[in-house]
């Protein structure tokens, strides 16, 4: 929700867009760091108490963010929110791994990432378009209120989250050894490496698209929202179908296709096109993400018996990549956003070509 609002918030707090943009990686990197602990602890204490606690923390801290009086306060509260909420998404993915065999995980993972994509699209577009009417503070209070509804729904169906695990709490050494084991295989290193690269690319591009459209086309909040309208729609509509394709045919060709499509779409945004065409390219950019990250997540759930730890490591790398992508793209702004888009897009296309070799073994078995 924050990324498209960077130009607006920079004006509110009288800071540069680069300074205001730090609120994005503050949340993402903190979120990813927290997952390193939530994943393995859930393997021992159960998924239910940690998911409930993380959602409660998200509600409280999101509401407090709406009371920020400076960009520094907002960024710090976003960082703390990331630390508190870091177990929600990875543990939801872990539950899918608990409930479904590897050959059948594509569809439910598609639903999960489709919901995430829909939330991202809805939050970004609705947030930036509603801000002139409800204020940026009202957006945070509104998200907190909607999350309270989700919280009580979760409590009602908490039996679906499993029961408390009676196994002993893992030692620090056991956690470290577990992470090392996951990275000690070629499949693990390859998958986690692409999770990071994919995250850097998509976060870097998406975080600064609002600034790009504002500078290039001179549009305000509503114009930015309309230009970003397509992001998240493919995952929301076709996430389960993409998952079924992965289950049926494997992931060896879909992952390279997603990287190549996303990279080409990002670079194409720099062409001499009217802003009315931008949502089409943004939609294709989003489709590229939907063809990669959910499929990589499916592979992660098959890397070892300690599924919570495997997914926790993926979430750490994913959100670290999200944060680093935003920081790297922001640091490159002096080169020009168009130049940044071309560089990021070219790197994604090259990664897609290399993925044809790297993931050739990820076929239906």
Protein backbone atom coordinates (compact mmCIF):
# COMPACT_ATOMS: atom_id res chain seq x y z
CA UNK A 1 0.00 0.00 0.00
CA UNK A 2 2.85 2.39 0.78
CA UNK A 3 4.85 2.12 -2.46
CA UNK A 4 2.40 4.02 -4.73
CA UNK A 5 1.97 6.63 -1.98
CA UNK A 6 5.67 7.51 -1.81
CA UNK A 7 5.29 10.79 -3.78
CA UNK A 8 2.32 11.83 -1.63
CA UNK A 9 3.92 10.90 1.71
CA UNK A 10 7.17 12.61 0.73
CA UNK A 11 5.18 15.81 0.30
CA UNK A 12 3.28 15.34 3.57
CA UNK A 13 6.46 14.91 5.62
CA UNK A 14 8.55 17.31 3.51
CA UNK A 15 11.27 14.78 2.68
CA UNK A 16 12.72 13.42 -0.57
CA UNK A 17 11.17 10.41 -2.27
CA UNK A 18 14.37 8.45 -1.55
CA UNK A 19 13.97 9.12 2.18
CA UNK A 20 10.28 8.28 2.16
CA UNK A 21 10.99 5.17 0.12
CA UNK A 22 12.94 3.73 3.07
CA UNK A 23 9.62 2.86 4.70
CA UNK A 24 9.20 0.04 2.18
CA UNK A 25 12.44 -1.92 2.83
CA UNK A 26 12.13 -1.17 6.57
CA UNK A 27 9.03 -3.38 6.69
CA UNK A 28 10.15 -5.98 4.17
CA UNK A 29 13.62 -6.69 5.57
CA UNK A 30 12.30 -6.82 9.14
CA UNK A 31 9.51 -9.17 8.04
CA UNK A 32 11.97 -11.48 6.35
CA UNK A 33 14.35 -11.50 9.31
CA UNK A 34 11.54 -12.48 11.67
CA UNK A 35 10.58 -15.48 9.55
CA UNK A 36 13.95 -17.09 10.32
CA UNK A 37 12.64 -17.64 13.83
CA UNK A 38 8.91 -18.16 13.28
CA UNK A 39 9.39 -21.05 10.85
CA UNK A 40 11.46 -23.39 13.04
CA UNK A 41 9.54 -22.45 16.19
CA UNK A 42 6.30 -23.40 14.47
CA UNK A 43 7.78 -26.82 13.73
CA UNK A 44 7.97 -27.34 17.50
CA UNK A 45 5.22 -25.19 19.04
CA UNK A 46 2.61 -25.55 16.31
CA UNK A 47 1.39 -23.17 13.61
CA UNK A 48 -1.72 -21.92 15.42
CA UNK A 49 -0.34 -19.83 18.31
CA UNK A 50 2.28 -18.11 16.17
CA UNK A 51 -0.09 -17.19 13.33
CA UNK A 52 -2.63 -15.78 15.79
CA UNK A 53 0.02 -13.79 17.67
CA UNK A 54 1.52 -12.40 14.46
CA UNK A 55 -1.85 -11.27 13.13
CA UNK A 56 -2.65 -9.58 16.44
CA UNK A 57 0.69 -7.74 16.32
CA UNK A 58 0.00 -6.65 12.74
CA UNK A 59 -3.36 -5.14 13.72
CA UNK A 60 -2.01 -3.15 16.66
CA UNK A 61 1.11 -1.87 14.94
CA UNK A 62 -0.70 -0.96 11.71
CA UNK A 63 -3.13 1.19 13.69
CA UNK A 64 -0.22 2.86 15.50
CA UNK A 65 1.44 3.63 12.16
CA UNK A 66 -1.52 5.84 11.32
CA UNK A 67 -0.49 8.08 14.22
CA UNK A 68 2.99 8.78 12.80
CA UNK A 69 4.11 12.41 12.85
CA UNK A 70 7.24 12.10 10.71
CA UNK A 71 8.75 9.90 8.02
CA UNK A 72 11.16 8.50 10.62
CA UNK A 73 8.33 7.47 12.94
CA UNK A 74 6.47 5.86 10.07
CA UNK A 75 9.54 3.91 8.91
CA UNK A 76 10.35 2.73 12.45
CA UNK A 77 6.79 1.58 13.04
CA UNK A 78 6.82 -0.24 9.70
CA UNK A 79 10.02 -1.98 10.77
CA UNK A 80 8.47 -3.09 14.08
CA UNK A 81 5.32 -4.21 12.24
CA UNK A 82 7.45 -6.39 9.98
CA UNK A 83 9.09 -8.03 12.99
CA UNK A 84 5.75 -8.69 14.64
CA UNK A 85 3.82 -9.91 11.61
CA UNK A 86 6.56 -12.01 10.02
CA UNK A 87 4.91 -15.38 10.64
CA UNK A 88 1.60 -14.96 8.82
CA UNK A 89 2.44 -15.66 5.17
CA UNK A 90 5.25 -18.24 5.60
CA UNK A 91 3.25 -20.27 8.10
CA UNK A 92 0.20 -20.22 5.83
CA UNK A 93 2.44 -21.67 3.13
CA UNK A 94 3.82 -24.21 5.61
CA UNK A 95 0.28 -25.35 6.42
CA UNK A 96 -0.28 -26.09 2.74
CA UNK A 97 2.86 -28.23 2.80
CA UNK A 98 1.48 -30.04 5.85
CA UNK A 99 -1.88 -30.75 4.24
CA UNK A 100 -1.04 -31.57 0.60
CA UNK A 101 1.49 -33.88 -1.11
CA UNK A 102 4.04 -32.18 -3.37
CA UNK A 103 2.27 -33.24 -6.58
CA UNK A 104 -0.94 -31.49 -5.42
CA UNK A 105 0.43 -28.30 -3.84
CA UNK A 106 0.42 -26.16 -6.95
CA UNK A 107 -3.28 -25.30 -6.82
CA UNK A 108 -3.54 -24.36 -3.11
CA UNK A 109 -0.27 -22.43 -3.32
CA UNK A 110 -1.76 -20.70 -6.35
CA UNK A 111 -4.78 -19.73 -4.24
CA UNK A 112 -2.50 -18.37 -1.51
CA UNK A 113 -0.32 -16.32 -3.83
CA UNK A 114 -3.39 -15.29 -5.80
CA UNK A 115 -4.89 -13.89 -2.60
CA UNK A 116 -1.61 -12.14 -1.85
CA UNK A 117 -1.50 -10.71 -5.35
CA UNK A 118 -5.11 -9.60 -5.10
CA UNK A 119 -4.40 -7.99 -1.75
CA UNK A 120 -1.35 -6.23 -3.17
CA UNK A 121 -3.31 -5.00 -6.17
CA UNK A 122 -6.29 -3.95 -4.10
CA UNK A 123 -4.18 -2.34 -1.41
CA UNK A 124 -2.01 -0.42 -3.84
CA UNK A 125 -4.72 0.75 -6.21
CA UNK A 126 -7.49 1.39 -3.69
CA UNK A 127 -5.06 2.93 -1.23
CA UNK A 128 -3.59 5.47 -3.62
CA UNK A 129 -7.02 6.32 -5.06
CA UNK A 130 -8.79 6.64 -1.70
CA UNK A 131 -6.05 8.67 -0.01
CA UNK A 132 -7.33 12.03 -1.31
CA UNK A 133 -10.70 11.28 0.34
CA UNK A 134 -9.82 9.46 3.60
CA UNK A 135 -6.21 10.64 4.17
CA UNK A 136 -3.19 8.39 4.49
CA UNK A 137 -3.91 7.93 8.21
CA UNK A 138 -7.38 6.67 7.38
CA UNK A 139 -5.85 4.03 5.11
CA UNK A 140 -3.83 2.53 7.96
CA UNK A 141 -6.79 2.62 10.34
CA UNK A 142 -8.94 0.98 7.67
CA UNK A 143 -6.45 -1.84 7.10
CA UNK A 144 -6.29 -2.43 10.85
CA UNK A 145 -10.10 -2.58 11.05
CA UNK A 146 -10.35 -5.07 8.19
CA UNK A 147 -7.63 -7.17 9.81
CA UNK A 148 -9.67 -7.34 13.02
CA UNK A 149 -12.46 -9.00 11.03
CA UNK A 150 -9.93 -11.47 9.63
CA UNK A 151 -8.59 -12.11 13.13
CA UNK A 152 -11.98 -13.16 14.50
CA UNK A 153 -12.64 -15.33 11.45
CA UNK A 154 -9.29 -17.01 12.11
CA UNK A 155 -10.23 -17.65 15.74
CA UNK A 156 -13.50 -19.21 14.65
CA UNK A 157 -11.70 -21.69 12.39
CA UNK A 158 -8.54 -22.07 14.46
CA UNK A 159 -8.93 -25.85 14.50
CA UNK A 160 -7.82 -25.84 10.86
CA UNK A 161 -4.45 -24.47 11.93
CA UNK A 162 -3.45 -27.69 13.67
CA UNK A 163 -2.70 -28.33 17.31
CA UNK A 164 0.23 -27.55 19.53
CA UNK A 165 3.27 -29.70 18.83
CA UNK A 166 4.66 -31.33 21.95
CA UNK A 167 8.19 -31.72 20.59
CA UNK A 168 11.03 -29.92 22.34
CA UNK A 169 11.98 -26.39 21.45
CA UNK A 170 14.83 -26.47 18.91
CA UNK A 171 18.25 -25.35 20.07
CA UNK A 172 20.04 -22.49 18.35
CA UNK A 173 22.60 -24.95 16.98
CA UNK A 174 19.86 -27.20 15.58
CA UNK A 175 18.28 -24.23 13.81
CA UNK A 176 21.60 -23.17 12.25
CA UNK A 177 22.38 -26.74 11.16
CA UNK A 178 18.91 -27.02 9.65
CA UNK A 179 19.41 -23.90 7.54
CA UNK A 180 22.85 -25.05 6.45
CA UNK A 181 21.42 -28.41 5.40
CA UNK A 182 18.81 -26.71 3.23
CA UNK A 183 21.53 -24.74 1.43
CA UNK A 184 23.87 -27.70 1.14
CA UNK A 185 22.05 -29.16 -1.88
CA UNK A 186 22.21 -27.86 -5.44
CA UNK A 187 18.41 -27.81 -5.62
CA UNK A 188 18.17 -25.76 -2.45
CA UNK A 189 20.81 -23.22 -3.49
CA UNK A 190 19.30 -22.87 -6.95
CA UNK A 191 15.76 -22.38 -5.69
CA UNK A 192 16.61 -19.95 -2.91
CA UNK A 193 18.91 -18.04 -5.24
CA UNK A 194 16.12 -17.50 -7.74
CA UNK A 195 13.71 -16.54 -4.97
CA UNK A 196 16.13 -13.73 -4.08
CA UNK A 197 16.76 -12.58 -7.66
CA UNK A 198 13.05 -12.60 -8.47
CA UNK A 199 12.23 -10.64 -5.33
CA UNK A 200 14.91 -8.00 -5.99
CA UNK A 201 13.59 -7.45 -9.50
CA UNK A 202 9.88 -7.22 -8.73
CA UNK A 203 10.19 -5.12 -5.59
CA UNK A 204 12.66 -2.74 -7.18
CA UNK A 205 10.39 -2.14 -10.16
CA UNK A 206 7.04 -2.04 -8.36
CA UNK A 207 8.16 0.17 -5.47
CA UNK A 208 9.17 2.99 -7.78
CA UNK A 209 6.53 2.70 -10.50
CA UNK A 210 4.36 5.28 -8.75
CA UNK A 211 7.23 7.78 -8.79
CA UNK A 212 7.94 6.89 -12.43
CA UNK A 213 4.36 7.51 -13.57
CA UNK A 214 4.19 10.71 -11.54
CA UNK A 215 7.36 12.11 -13.10
CA UNK A 216 6.86 10.90 -16.66
CA UNK A 217 3.15 11.56 -17.11
CA UNK A 218 2.55 14.17 -14.40
CA UNK A 219 -0.34 12.21 -12.86
CA UNK A 220 -1.53 12.40 -9.27
CA UNK A 221 -2.64 9.68 -6.86
CA UNK A 222 -5.68 8.58 -8.86
CA UNK A 223 -3.68 8.44 -12.10
CA UNK A 224 -1.01 6.32 -10.41
CA UNK A 225 -3.68 3.98 -9.09
CA UNK A 226 -5.20 3.52 -12.54
CA UNK A 227 -1.77 2.89 -14.09
CA UNK A 228 -1.06 0.18 -11.50
CA UNK A 229 -4.51 -1.34 -11.89
CA UNK A 230 -3.27 -4.51 -13.55
CA UNK A 231 -0.77 -5.54 -10.88
CA UNK A 232 -2.05 -8.54 -8.95
CA UNK A 233 -4.99 -9.29 -11.22
CA UNK A 234 -3.39 -12.30 -13.02
CA UNK A 235 -2.51 -13.97 -9.74
CA UNK A 236 -5.93 -13.30 -8.26
CA UNK A 237 -7.73 -14.68 -11.32
CA UNK A 238 -5.36 -17.35 -12.59
CA UNK A 239 -3.18 -18.31 -9.60
CA UNK A 240 -4.88 -21.69 -9.04
CA UNK A 241 -4.84 -22.45 -12.79
CA UNK A 242 -1.11 -21.69 -12.95
CA UNK A 243 -0.63 -23.98 -9.98
CA UNK A 244 -2.49 -26.79 -11.74
CA UNK A 245 -0.27 -26.33 -14.80
CA UNK A 246 2.79 -26.67 -12.57
CA UNK A 247 1.37 -29.82 -10.96
CA UNK A 248 0.57 -31.34 -14.33
CA UNK A 249 3.59 -30.39 -16.42
CA UNK A 250 6.25 -29.38 -13.92
CA UNK A 251 7.99 -26.07 -13.35
CA UNK A 252 10.90 -26.34 -15.80
CA UNK A 253 9.43 -24.04 -18.46
CA UNK A 254 7.00 -21.89 -16.50
CA UNK A 255 9.67 -20.31 -14.27
CA UNK A 256 11.89 -19.20 -17.20
CA UNK A 257 8.81 -17.89 -19.01
CA UNK A 258 7.78 -15.82 -16.01
CA UNK A 259 11.19 -14.21 -15.59
CA UNK A 260 11.51 -13.39 -19.27
CA UNK A 261 7.98 -11.97 -19.51
CA UNK A 262 8.43 -9.79 -16.44
CA UNK A 263 11.80 -8.46 -17.57
CA UNK A 264 10.56 -7.60 -21.04
CA UNK A 265 7.47 -5.88 -19.62
CA UNK A 266 9.53 -3.71 -17.26
CA UNK A 267 11.84 -2.59 -20.06
CA UNK A 268 8.87 -1.92 -22.36
CA UNK A 269 7.49 0.62 -19.87
CA UNK A 270 10.29 2.96 -20.98
CA UNK A 271 9.03 3.05 -24.59
CA UNK A 272 7.18 6.05 -25.97
CA UNK A 273 3.71 4.83 -25.01
CA UNK A 274 0.61 6.61 -23.69
CA UNK A 275 -0.23 6.06 -20.05
CA UNK A 276 -3.35 4.15 -21.13
CA UNK A 277 -1.06 1.31 -22.29
CA UNK A 278 0.80 1.16 -18.98
CA UNK A 279 -1.78 -1.03 -17.17
CA UNK A 280 -1.34 -3.71 -19.86
CA UNK A 281 2.42 -3.86 -19.30
CA UNK A 282 1.92 -3.75 -15.53
CA UNK A 283 -0.46 -6.72 -15.85
CA UNK A 284 2.15 -8.68 -17.83
CA UNK A 285 4.75 -7.75 -15.22
CA UNK A 286 2.46 -9.16 -12.54
CA UNK A 287 1.83 -12.31 -14.57
CA UNK A 288 5.58 -12.84 -14.66
CA UNK A 289 5.64 -12.86 -10.87
CA UNK A 290 2.72 -15.28 -10.74
CA UNK A 291 4.58 -17.69 -13.03
CA UNK A 292 7.66 -17.70 -10.80
CA UNK A 293 7.32 -17.11 -7.07
CA UNK A 294 4.44 -19.52 -6.30
CA UNK A 295 6.22 -22.23 -8.30
CA UNK A 296 9.50 -21.62 -6.48
CA UNK A 297 7.58 -21.80 -3.19
CA UNK A 298 6.22 -25.18 -4.21
CA UNK A 299 9.76 -26.49 -4.70
CA UNK A 300 10.77 -25.14 -1.27
CA UNK A 301 8.03 -27.15 0.45
CA UNK A 302 9.68 -30.28 -0.98
CA UNK A 303 13.26 -29.59 0.15
CA UNK A 304 13.22 -31.38 3.49
CA UNK A 305 11.21 -32.74 6.42
CA UNK A 306 11.47 -29.53 8.50
CA UNK A 307 8.99 -27.73 6.31
CA UNK A 308 8.49 -24.79 8.63
CA UNK A 309 12.20 -24.08 8.63
CA UNK A 310 12.47 -24.48 4.84
CA UNK A 311 9.61 -22.06 4.26
CA UNK A 312 10.94 -19.72 6.95
CA UNK A 313 14.26 -19.52 5.10
CA UNK A 314 12.44 -18.87 1.84
CA UNK A 315 10.39 -16.10 3.42
CA UNK A 316 13.55 -14.53 4.83
CA UNK A 317 15.26 -14.59 1.44
CA UNK A 318 12.09 -13.42 -0.32
CA UNK A 319 11.48 -10.41 1.90
CA UNK A 320 15.19 -9.62 2.12
CA UNK A 321 15.13 -9.54 -1.68
CA UNK A 322 12.04 -7.33 -1.62
CA UNK A 323 13.79 -4.90 0.69
CA UNK A 324 17.09 -4.95 -1.19
CA UNK A 325 15.33 -4.47 -4.52
CA UNK A 326 13.65 -1.33 -3.27
CA UNK A 327 16.93 -0.02 -1.83
CA UNK A 328 19.01 -0.83 -4.93
CA UNK A 329 16.52 0.71 -7.35
CA UNK A 330 16.25 3.78 -5.13
CA UNK A 331 20.03 4.15 -4.99
CA UNK A 332 20.10 4.04 -8.80
CA UNK A 333 17.57 6.87 -9.21
CA UNK A 334 20.31 9.37 -10.17
CA UNK A 335 20.76 7.30 -13.35
CA UNK A 336 17.12 7.92 -14.25
CA UNK A 337 14.16 5.62 -13.60
CA UNK A 338 13.98 4.64 -17.28
CA UNK A 339 17.60 3.47 -17.17
CA UNK A 340 16.89 1.54 -13.98
CA UNK A 341 13.91 -0.20 -15.59
CA UNK A 342 16.02 -1.24 -18.58
CA UNK A 343 18.83 -2.56 -16.36
CA UNK A 344 16.46 -4.49 -14.08
CA UNK A 345 14.49 -5.81 -17.05
CA UNK A 346 17.60 -7.00 -18.87
CA UNK A 347 18.85 -8.82 -15.78
CA UNK A 348 15.48 -10.57 -15.38
CA UNK A 349 15.49 -11.72 -19.01
CA UNK A 350 19.02 -13.09 -18.64
CA UNK A 351 17.99 -14.89 -15.44
CA UNK A 352 15.06 -16.39 -17.34
CA UNK A 353 17.32 -17.75 -20.08
CA UNK A 354 19.65 -19.25 -17.48
CA UNK A 355 16.65 -20.77 -15.68
CA UNK A 356 16.00 -23.01 -18.70
CA UNK A 357 19.14 -24.87 -17.68
CA UNK A 358 18.89 -24.48 -13.93
CA UNK A 359 15.35 -25.84 -13.61
CA UNK A 360 15.35 -28.44 -16.38
CA UNK A 361 14.94 -31.22 -13.78
CA UNK A 362 11.75 -29.70 -12.30
CA UNK A 363 9.41 -31.76 -14.42
CA UNK A 364 6.33 -33.75 -13.51
CA UNK A 365 7.39 -37.03 -11.89
